Amino acid sequence: MTSVSTTLIAVSEPPRRGRSLLDADGKPTNDPRRAVSGEYVEYDARSKQARRTWFRLEQVEIKWLPVSEPAFLLWVLALLLIVWLAIGVALGVFL
C-alpha cells in the first residue's frame, strides 16, 4: 500500500501600505522627517484594512516647571546620583 502526502504552502504577499503625512503647517508632505502628524494603513491580500496607526507630535511646555526641561532633568539626575551615593555609604560600600 502506498501513501501519498500533500502539503499545501500558503504564499502570502507582503502587506500593502498606504500613508498620509502632514507637516507643521497642516499641508500634505511625502517627507517623513518633516511630518508632525499622519497615519499609516496596512491592507491585507483582499485589500481590506488590516491595521491603522496614527501619530501626532506636539511640543508641550510644562507651565509649572520654573526652569527649562533639560535643566530640570540634569537636577533630577544629580539628585538620583546623590541618593545612590548615600545608599552606598549607608551600606558601607564606599569605605
PDB file of N, CA and C in Angstrom:
ATOM      1  N   MET A   1       0.837  -1.159   0.000  1.00  0.00           N
ATOM      2  CA  MET A   1       0.000   0.000   0.000  1.00  0.00           C
ATOM      3  C   MET A   1       0.893   1.237   0.000  1.00  0.00           C
ATOM      4  N   THR A   2       0.579   2.183  -0.818  1.00  0.00           N
ATOM      5  CA  THR A   2       1.381   3.396  -0.948  1.00  0.00           C
ATOM      6  C   THR A   2       0.613   4.563  -0.357  1.00  0.00           C
ATOM      7  N   SER A   3       1.321   5.362   0.394  1.00  0.00           N
ATOM      8  CA  SER A   3       0.679   6.520   0.992  1.00  0.00           C
ATOM      9  C   SER A   3       1.196   7.778   0.294  1.00  0.00           C
ATOM     10  N   VAL A   4       0.285   8.661  -0.033  1.00  0.00           N
ATOM     11  CA  VAL A   4       0.635   9.906  -0.712  1.00  0.00           C
ATOM     12  C   VAL A   4       0.332  11.054   0.246  1.00  0.00           C
ATOM     13  N   SER A   5       1.289  11.930   0.387  1.00  0.00           N
ATOM     14  CA  SER A   5       1.133  13.067   1.271  1.00  0.00           C
ATOM     15  C   SER A   5       1.193  14.339   0.452  1.00  0.00           C
ATOM     16  N   THR A   6       0.258  15.226   0.709  1.00  0.00           N
ATOM     17  CA  THR A   6       0.220  16.505   0.009  1.00  0.00           C
ATOM     18  C   THR A   6       0.362  17.620   1.043  1.00  0.00           C
ATOM     19  N   THR A   7       1.262  18.508   0.771  1.00  0.00           N
ATOM     20  CA  THR A   7       1.471  19.645   1.658  1.00  0.00           C
ATOM     21  C   THR A   7       1.147  20.913   0.907  1.00  0.00           C
ATOM     22  N   LEU A   8       0.292  21.711   1.501  1.00  0.00           N
ATOM     23  CA  LEU A   8      -0.048  22.998   0.913  1.00  0.00           C
ATOM     24  C   LEU A   8       0.709  24.088   1.662  1.00  0.00           C
ATOM     25  N   ILE A   9       1.360  24.914   0.916  1.00  0.00           N
ATOM     26  CA  ILE A   9       2.082  26.034   1.500  1.00  0.00           C
ATOM     27  C   ILE A   9       1.414  27.313   1.023  1.00  0.00           C
ATOM     28  N   ALA A  10       0.965  28.101   1.969  1.00  0.00           N
ATOM     29  CA  ALA A  10       0.322  29.365   1.616  1.00  0.00           C
ATOM     30  C   ALA A  10       1.405  30.418   1.402  1.00  0.00           C
ATOM     31  N   VAL A  11       1.398  30.976   0.239  1.00  0.00           N
ATOM     32  CA  VAL A  11       2.338  32.038  -0.065  1.00  0.00           C
ATOM     33  C   VAL A  11       1.583  33.345   0.091  1.00  0.00           C
ATOM     34  N   SER A  12       2.032  34.108   1.048  1.00  0.00           N
ATOM     35  CA  SER A  12       1.354  35.376   1.265  1.00  0.00           C
ATOM     36  C   SER A  12       2.238  36.499   0.750  1.00  0.00           C
ATOM     37  N   GLU A  13       1.603  37.432   0.158  1.00  0.00           N
ATOM     38  CA  GLU A  13       2.340  38.585  -0.310  1.00  0.00           C
ATOM     39  C   GLU A  13       2.497  39.562   0.854  1.00  0.00           C
ATOM     40  N   PRO A  14       3.543  40.344   0.837  1.00  0.00           N
ATOM     41  CA  PRO A  14       3.703  41.304   1.934  1.00  0.00           C
ATOM     42  C   PRO A  14       2.544  42.291   1.961  1.00  0.00           C
ATOM     43  N   PRO A  15       2.212  42.765   3.153  1.00  0.00           N
ATOM     44  CA  PRO A  15       1.071  43.691   3.240  1.00  0.00           C
ATOM     45  C   PRO A  15       1.349  44.981   2.479  1.00  0.00           C
ATOM     46  N   ARG A  16       0.317  45.465   1.832  1.00  0.00           N
ATOM     47  CA  ARG A  16       0.448  46.754   1.142  1.00  0.00           C
ATOM     48  C   ARG A  16       0.222  47.853   2.162  1.00  0.00           C
ATOM     49  N   ARG A  17       0.938  48.939   1.978  1.00  0.00           N
ATOM     50  CA  ARG A  17       0.858  50.032   2.940  1.00  0.00           C
ATOM     51  C   ARG A  17       0.495  51.329   2.242  1.00  0.00           C
ATOM     52  N   GLY A  18      -0.231  52.135   2.952  1.00  0.00           N
ATOM     53  CA  GLY A  18      -0.537  53.482   2.500  1.00  0.00           C
ATOM     54  C   GLY A  18      -0.222  54.443   3.633  1.00  0.00           C
ATOM     55  N   ARG A  19       0.104  55.672   3.296  1.00  0.00           N
ATOM     56  CA  ARG A  19       0.399  56.630   4.346  1.00  0.00           C
ATOM     57  C   ARG A  19      -0.090  58.009   3.959  1.00  0.00           C
ATOM     58  N   SER A  20      -0.387  58.756   4.973  1.00  0.00           N
ATOM     59  CA  SER A  20      -0.819  60.134   4.814  1.00  0.00           C
ATOM     60  C   SER A  20      -0.079  60.948   5.868  1.00  0.00           C
ATOM     61  N   LEU A  21       0.774  61.887   5.425  1.00  0.00           N
ATOM     62  CA  LEU A  21       1.600  62.657   6.341  1.00  0.00           C
ATOM     63  C   LEU A  21       1.311  64.145   6.195  1.00  0.00           C
ATOM     64  N   LEU A  22       1.332  64.861   7.312  1.00  0.00           N
ATOM     65  CA  LEU A  22       1.116  66.306   7.322  1.00  0.00           C
ATOM     66  C   LEU A  22       2.303  66.987   7.993  1.00  0.00           C
ATOM     67  N   ASP A  23       2.711  68.148   7.465  1.00  0.00           N
ATOM     68  CA  ASP A  23       3.801  68.900   8.075  1.00  0.00           C
ATOM     69  C   ASP A  23       3.256  69.845   9.146  1.00  0.00           C
ATOM     70  N   ALA A  24       4.111  70.706   9.702  1.00  0.00           N
ATOM     71  CA  ALA A  24       3.719  71.599  10.794  1.00  0.00           C
ATOM     72  C   ALA A  24       2.666  72.617  10.379  1.00  0.00           C
ATOM     73  N   ASP A  25       2.591  72.939   9.089  1.00  0.00           N
ATOM     74  CA  ASP A  25       1.596  73.885   8.599  1.00  0.00           C
ATOM     75  C   ASP A  25       0.276  73.219   8.237  1.00  0.00           C
ATOM     76  N   GLY A  26       0.198  71.894   8.387  1.00  0.00           N
ATOM     77  CA  GLY A  26      -1.019  71.168   8.046  1.00  0.00           C
ATOM     78  C   GLY A  26      -1.113  70.789   6.576  1.00  0.00           C
ATOM     79  N   LYS A  27      -0.022  70.960   5.838  1.00  0.00           N
ATOM     80  CA  LYS A  27      -0.008  70.621   4.413  1.00  0.00           C
ATOM     81  C   LYS A  27       0.512  69.207   4.214  1.00  0.00           C
ATOM     82  N   PRO A  28      -0.015  68.487   3.229  1.00  0.00           N
ATOM     83  CA  PRO A  28       0.477  67.133   2.958  1.00  0.00           C
ATOM     84  C   PRO A  28       1.953  67.161   2.564  1.00  0.00           C
ATOM     85  N   THR A  29       2.688  66.145   3.018  1.00  0.00           N
ATOM     86  CA  THR A  29       4.102  66.024   2.683  1.00  0.00           C
ATOM     87  C   THR A  29       4.441  64.560   2.459  1.00  0.00           C
ATOM     88  N   ASN A  30       5.478  64.320   1.687  1.00  0.00           N
ATOM     89  CA  ASN A  30       5.957  62.955   1.473  1.00  0.00           C
ATOM     90  C   ASN A  30       7.225  62.686   2.276  1.00  0.00           C
ATOM     91  N   ASP A  31       7.732  63.705   2.968  1.00  0.00           N
ATOM     92  CA  ASP A  31       8.962  63.581   3.741  1.00  0.00           C
ATOM     93  C   ASP A  31       8.636  63.210   5.185  1.00  0.00           C
ATOM     94  N   PRO A  32       8.967  61.983   5.613  1.00  0.00           N
ATOM     95  CA  PRO A  32       8.646  61.577   6.985  1.00  0.00           C
ATOM     96  C   PRO A  32       9.369  62.410   8.039  1.00  0.00           C
ATOM     97  N   ARG A  33      10.518  63.014   7.698  1.00  0.00           N
ATOM     98  CA  ARG A  33      11.246  63.825   8.670  1.00  0.00           C
ATOM     99  C   ARG A  33      10.531  65.133   8.979  1.00  0.00           C
ATOM    100  N   ARG A  34       9.735  65.620   8.062  1.00  0.00           N
ATOM    101  CA  ARG A  34       9.018  66.879   8.267  1.00  0.00           C
ATOM    102  C   ARG A  34       7.611  66.662   8.831  1.00  0.00           C
ATOM    103  N   ALA A  35       7.167  65.422   8.852  1.00  0.00           N
ATOM    104  CA  ALA A  35       5.789  65.130   9.273  1.00  0.00           C
ATOM    105  C   ALA A  35       5.630  65.284  10.780  1.00  0.00           C
ATOM    106  N   VAL A  36       4.561  65.956  11.178  1.00  0.00           N
ATOM    107  CA  VAL A  36       4.235  66.079  12.596  1.00  0.00           C
ATOM    108  C   VAL A  36       2.949  65.336  12.942  1.00  0.00           C
ATOM    109  N   SER A  37       2.220  64.898  11.928  1.00  0.00           N
ATOM    110  CA  SER A  37       1.048  64.059  12.161  1.00  0.00           C
ATOM    111  C   SER A  37       0.774  63.261  10.897  1.00  0.00           C
ATOM    112  N   GLY A  38      -0.040  62.240  11.055  1.00  0.00           N
ATOM    113  CA  GLY A  38      -0.385  61.420   9.905  1.00  0.00           C
ATOM    114  C   GLY A  38      -0.850  60.049  10.329  1.00  0.00           C
ATOM    115  N   GLU A  39      -0.957  59.167   9.342  1.00  0.00           N
ATOM    116  CA  GLU A  39      -1.364  57.794   9.629  1.00  0.00           C
ATOM    117  C   GLU A  39      -0.747  56.844   8.616  1.00  0.00           C
ATOM    118  N   TYR A  40      -0.509  55.631   9.079  1.00  0.00           N
ATOM    119  CA  TYR A  40      -0.047  54.541   8.231  1.00  0.00           C
ATOM    120  C   TYR A  40      -1.145  53.485   8.222  1.00  0.00           C
ATOM    121  N   VAL A  41      -1.481  52.985   7.031  1.00  0.00           N
ATOM    122  CA  VAL A  41      -2.534  51.982   6.906  1.00  0.00           C
ATOM    123  C   VAL A  41      -1.963  50.779   6.176  1.00  0.00           C
ATOM    124  N   GLU A  42      -2.183  49.582   6.729  1.00  0.00           N
ATOM    125  CA  GLU A  42      -1.779  48.334   6.085  1.00  0.00           C
ATOM    126  C   GLU A  42      -3.021  47.619   5.587  1.00  0.00           C
ATOM    127  N   TYR A  43      -2.926  47.073   4.389  1.00  0.00           N
ATOM    128  CA  TYR A  43      -4.039  46.350   3.776  1.00  0.00           C
ATOM    129  C   TYR A  43      -3.650  44.886   3.613  1.00  0.00           C
ATOM    130  N   ASP A  44      -4.625  43.988   3.787  1.00  0.00           N
ATOM    131  CA  ASP A  44      -4.353  42.572   3.600  1.00  0.00           C
ATOM    132  C   ASP A  44      -4.461  42.199   2.126  1.00  0.00           C
ATOM    133  N   ALA A  45      -4.394  40.909   1.840  1.00  0.00           N
ATOM    134  CA  ALA A  45      -4.411  40.435   0.447  1.00  0.00           C
ATOM    135  C   ALA A  45      -5.736  40.735  -0.248  1.00  0.00           C
ATOM    136  N   ARG A  46      -6.810  40.895   0.512  1.00  0.00           N
ATOM    137  CA  ARG A  46      -8.116  41.186  -0.083  1.00  0.00           C
ATOM    138  C   ARG A  46      -8.399  42.685  -0.145  1.00  0.00           C
ATOM    139  N   SER A  47      -7.375  43.488   0.048  1.00  0.00           N
ATOM    140  CA  SER A  47      -7.456  44.958   0.013  1.00  0.00           C
ATOM    141  C   SER A  47      -8.354  45.526   1.114  1.00  0.00           C
ATOM    142  N   LYS A  48      -8.494  44.777   2.186  1.00  0.00           N
ATOM    143  CA  LYS A  48      -9.222  45.293   3.340  1.00  0.00           C
ATOM    144  C   LYS A  48      -8.216  45.844   4.346  1.00  0.00           C
ATOM    145  N   GLN A  49      -8.638  46.858   5.052  1.00  0.00           N
ATOM    146  CA  GLN A  49      -7.756  47.488   6.025  1.00  0.00           C
ATOM    147  C   GLN A  49      -7.445  46.505   7.143  1.00  0.00           C
ATOM    148  N   ALA A  50      -6.162  46.202   7.332  1.00  0.00           N
ATOM    149  CA  ALA A  50      -5.754  45.264   8.369  1.00  0.00           C
ATOM    150  C   ALA A  50      -5.316  45.989   9.636  1.00  0.00           C
ATOM    151  N   ARG A  51      -4.634  47.109   9.481  1.00  0.00           N
ATOM    152  CA  ARG A  51      -4.145  47.843  10.638  1.00  0.00           C
ATOM    153  C   ARG A  51      -4.006  49.315  10.279  1.00  0.00           C
ATOM    154  N   ARG A  52      -4.358  50.163  11.235  1.00  0.00           N
ATOM    155  CA  ARG A  52      -4.206  51.608  11.053  1.00  0.00           C
ATOM    156  C   ARG A  52      -3.461  52.163  12.266  1.00  0.00           C
ATOM    157  N   THR A  53      -2.406  52.904  11.995  1.00  0.00           N
ATOM    158  CA  THR A  53      -1.606  53.519  13.047  1.00  0.00           C
ATOM    159  C   THR A  53      -1.526  55.009  12.767  1.00  0.00           C
ATOM    160  N   TRP A  54      -1.922  55.815  13.731  1.00  0.00           N
ATOM    161  CA  TRP A  54      -1.833  57.253  13.528  1.00  0.00           C
ATOM    162  C   TRP A  54      -0.903  57.842  14.574  1.00  0.00           C
ATOM    163  N   PHE A  55      -0.356  58.995  14.268  1.00  0.00           N
ATOM    164  CA  PHE A  55       0.548  59.652  15.192  1.00  0.00           C
ATOM    165  C   PHE A  55       0.384  61.155  15.112  1.00  0.00           C
ATOM    166  N   ARG A  56       0.810  61.829  16.177  1.00  0.00           N
ATOM    167  CA  ARG A  56       0.794  63.284  16.225  1.00  0.00           C
ATOM    168  C   ARG A  56       1.885  63.725  17.200  1.00  0.00           C
ATOM    169  N   LEU A  57       2.721  64.634  16.763  1.00  0.00           N
ATOM    170  CA  LEU A  57       3.798  65.162  17.597  1.00  0.00           C
ATOM    171  C   LEU A  57       3.476  66.597  17.969  1.00  0.00           C
ATOM    172  N   GLU A  58       3.596  66.883  19.247  1.00  0.00           N
ATOM    173  CA  GLU A  58       3.349  68.238  19.721  1.00  0.00           C
ATOM    174  C   GLU A  58       4.450  68.623  20.690  1.00  0.00           C
ATOM    175  N   GLN A  59       4.860  69.850  20.636  1.00  0.00           N
ATOM    176  CA  GLN A  59       5.801  70.348  21.624  1.00  0.00           C
ATOM    177  C   GLN A  59       4.994  71.023  22.718  1.00  0.00           C
ATOM    178  N   VAL A  60       5.127  70.501  23.921  1.00  0.00           N
ATOM    179  CA  VAL A  60       4.337  70.986  25.041  1.00  0.00           C
ATOM    180  C   VAL A  60       5.273  71.618  26.065  1.00  0.00           C
ATOM    181  N   GLU A  61       4.912  72.801  26.533  1.00  0.00           N
ATOM    182  CA  GLU A  61       5.683  73.460  27.579  1.00  0.00           C
ATOM    183  C   GLU A  61       5.006  73.180  28.916  1.00  0.00           C
ATOM    184  N   ILE A  62       5.804  72.710  29.872  1.00  0.00           N
ATOM    185  CA  ILE A  62       5.275  72.410  31.195  1.00  0.00           C
ATOM    186  C   ILE A  62       5.224  73.721  31.980  1.00  0.00           C
ATOM    187  N   LYS A  63       4.029  74.174  32.286  1.00  0.00           N
ATOM    188  CA  LYS A  63       3.842  75.502  32.861  1.00  0.00           C
ATOM    189  C   LYS A  63       4.335  75.606  34.303  1.00  0.00           C
ATOM    190  N   TRP A  64       4.238  74.524  35.079  1.00  0.00           N
ATOM    191  CA  TRP A  64       4.631  74.583  36.478  1.00  0.00           C
ATOM    192  C   TRP A  64       6.122  74.455  36.676  1.00  0.00           C
ATOM    193  N   LEU A  65       6.881  74.176  35.621  1.00  0.00           N
ATOM    194  CA  LEU A  65       8.320  73.979  35.724  1.00  0.00           C
ATOM    195  C   LEU A  65       9.027  75.331  35.598  1.00  0.00           C
ATOM    196  N   PRO A  66       9.725  75.804  36.645  1.00  0.00           N
ATOM    197  CA  PRO A  66      10.322  77.139  36.601  1.00  0.00           C
ATOM    198  C   PRO A  66      11.577  77.234  35.733  1.00  0.00           C
ATOM    199  N   VAL A  67      12.185  76.107  35.378  1.00  0.00           N
ATOM    200  CA  VAL A  67      13.395  76.107  34.553  1.00  0.00           C
ATOM    201  C   VAL A  67      13.111  75.328  33.273  1.00  0.00           C
ATOM    202  N   SER A  68      14.061  75.322  32.360  1.00  0.00           N
ATOM    203  CA  SER A  68      13.870  74.571  31.120  1.00  0.00           C
ATOM    204  C   SER A  68      13.879  73.067  31.414  1.00  0.00           C
ATOM    205  N   GLU A  69      13.325  72.306  30.517  1.00  0.00           N
ATOM    206  CA  GLU A  69      13.246  70.861  30.725  1.00  0.00           C
ATOM    207  C   GLU A  69      14.621  70.203  30.828  1.00  0.00           C
ATOM    208  N   PRO A  70      15.606  70.544  29.959  1.00  0.00           N
ATOM    209  CA  PRO A  70      16.934  69.930  30.122  1.00  0.00           C
ATOM    210  C   PRO A  70      17.574  70.250  31.470  1.00  0.00           C
ATOM    211  N   ALA A  71      17.412  71.488  31.964  1.00  0.00           N
ATOM    212  CA  ALA A  71      17.965  71.843  33.272  1.00  0.00           C
ATOM    213  C   ALA A  71      17.289  71.037  34.376  1.00  0.00           C
ATOM    214  N   PHE A  72      15.986  70.868  34.276  1.00  0.00           N
ATOM    215  CA  PHE A  72      15.248  70.074  35.255  1.00  0.00           C
ATOM    216  C   PHE A  72      15.735  68.626  35.263  1.00  0.00           C
ATOM    217  N   LEU A  73      15.939  68.063  34.086  1.00  0.00           N
ATOM    218  CA  LEU A  73      16.397  66.673  34.009  1.00  0.00           C
ATOM    219  C   LEU A  73      17.815  66.521  34.557  1.00  0.00           C
ATOM    220  N   LEU A  74      18.673  67.524  34.380  1.00  0.00           N
ATOM    221  CA  LEU A  74      20.010  67.473  34.978  1.00  0.00           C
ATOM    222  C   LEU A  74      19.936  67.503  36.501  1.00  0.00           C
ATOM    223  N   TRP A  75      19.031  68.308  37.059  1.00  0.00           N
ATOM    224  CA  TRP A  75      18.846  68.338  38.506  1.00  0.00           C
ATOM    225  C   TRP A  75      18.337  66.998  39.023  1.00  0.00           C
ATOM    226  N   VAL A  76      17.421  66.390  38.292  1.00  0.00           N
ATOM    227  CA  VAL A  76      16.904  65.061  38.689  1.00  0.00           C
ATOM    228  C   VAL A  76      18.029  64.032  38.657  1.00  0.00           C
ATOM    229  N   LEU A  77      18.863  64.090  37.614  1.00  0.00           N
ATOM    230  CA  LEU A  77      19.990  63.160  37.511  1.00  0.00           C
ATOM    231  C   LEU A  77      20.954  63.360  38.678  1.00  0.00           C
ATOM    232  N   ALA A  78      21.261  64.607  39.005  1.00  0.00           N
ATOM    233  CA  ALA A  78      22.153  64.892  40.129  1.00  0.00           C
ATOM    234  C   ALA A  78      21.562  64.382  41.436  1.00  0.00           C
ATOM    235  N   LEU A  79      20.271  64.589  41.641  1.00  0.00           N
ATOM    236  CA  LEU A  79      19.606  64.116  42.857  1.00  0.00           C
ATOM    237  C   LEU A  79      19.665  62.590  42.957  1.00  0.00           C
ATOM    238  N   LEU A  80      19.406  61.899  41.862  1.00  0.00           N
ATOM    239  CA  LEU A  80      19.461  60.432  41.873  1.00  0.00           C
ATOM    240  C   LEU A  80      20.878  59.935  42.149  1.00  0.00           C
ATOM    241  N   LEU A  81      21.882  60.621  41.633  1.00  0.00           N
ATOM    242  CA  LEU A  81      23.273  60.253  41.889  1.00  0.00           C
ATOM    243  C   LEU A  81      23.616  60.426  43.367  1.00  0.00           C
ATOM    244  N   ILE A  82      23.161  61.517  43.965  1.00  0.00           N
ATOM    245  CA  ILE A  82      23.404  61.752  45.390  1.00  0.00           C
ATOM    246  C   ILE A  82      22.716  60.691  46.238  1.00  0.00           C
ATOM    247  N   VAL A  83      21.482  60.343  45.905  1.00  0.00           N
ATOM    248  CA  VAL A  83      20.759  59.290  46.638  1.00  0.00           C
ATOM    249  C   VAL A  83      21.488  57.968  46.494  1.00  0.00           C
ATOM    250  N   TRP A  84      21.958  57.647  45.292  1.00  0.00           N
ATOM    251  CA  TRP A  84      22.679  56.396  45.048  1.00  0.00           C
ATOM    252  C   TRP A  84      23.957  56.345  45.892  1.00  0.00           C
ATOM    253  N   LEU A  85      24.710  57.459  45.925  1.00  0.00           N
ATOM    254  CA  LEU A  85      25.928  57.512  46.728  1.00  0.00           C
ATOM    255  C   LEU A  85      25.617  57.404  48.218  1.00  0.00           C
ATOM    256  N   ALA A  86      24.545  58.055  48.674  1.00  0.00           N
ATOM    257  CA  ALA A  86      24.163  57.987  50.088  1.00  0.00           C
ATOM    258  C   ALA A  86      23.797  56.556  50.481  1.00  0.00           C
ATOM    259  N   ILE A  87      23.119  55.856  49.636  1.00  0.00           N
ATOM    260  CA  ILE A  87      22.781  54.445  49.922  1.00  0.00           C
ATOM    261  C   ILE A  87      24.050  53.617  49.979  1.00  0.00           C
ATOM    262  N   GLY A  88      24.981  53.884  49.076  1.00  0.00           N
ATOM    263  CA  GLY A  88      26.256  53.162  49.097  1.00  0.00           C
ATOM    264  C   GLY A  88      27.042  53.413  50.359  1.00  0.00           C
ATOM    265  N   VAL A  89      27.068  54.657  50.834  1.00  0.00           N
ATOM    266  CA  VAL A  89      27.770  54.980  52.075  1.00  0.00           C
ATOM    267  C   VAL A  89      27.074  54.324  53.252  1.00  0.00           C
ATOM    268  N   ALA A  90      25.734  54.355  53.278  1.00  0.00           N
ATOM    269  CA  ALA A  90      24.981  53.758  54.382  1.00  0.00           C
ATOM    270  C   ALA A  90      25.195  52.250  54.459  1.00  0.00           C
ATOM    271  N   LEU A  91      25.367  51.612  53.323  1.00  0.00           N
ATOM    272  CA  LEU A  91      25.582  50.151  53.317  1.00  0.00           C
ATOM    273  C   LEU A  91      27.055  49.792  53.485  1.00  0.00           C
ATOM    274  N   GLY A  92      27.915  50.779  53.520  1.00  0.00           N
ATOM    275  CA  GLY A  92      29.335  50.535  53.719  1.00  0.00           C
ATOM    276  C   GLY A  92      30.067  50.113  52.464  1.00  0.00           C
ATOM    277  N   VAL A  93      29.525  50.406  51.319  1.00  0.00           N
ATOM    278  CA  VAL A  93      30.153  50.005  50.060  1.00  0.00           C
ATOM    279  C   VAL A  93      31.333  50.921  49.752  1.00  0.00           C
ATOM    280  N   PHE A  94      31.224  52.197  50.074  1.00  0.00           N
ATOM    281  CA  PHE A  94      32.268  53.167  49.756  1.00  0.00           C
ATOM    282  C   PHE A  94      33.091  53.508  50.994  1.00  0.00           C
ATOM    283  N   LEU A  95      33.839  52.570  51.494  1.00  0.00           N
ATOM    284  CA  LEU A  95      34.665  52.837  52.688  1.00  0.00           C
ATOM    285  C   LEU A  95      36.111  52.950  52.317  1.00  0.00           C
TER     286      LEU A  95
END
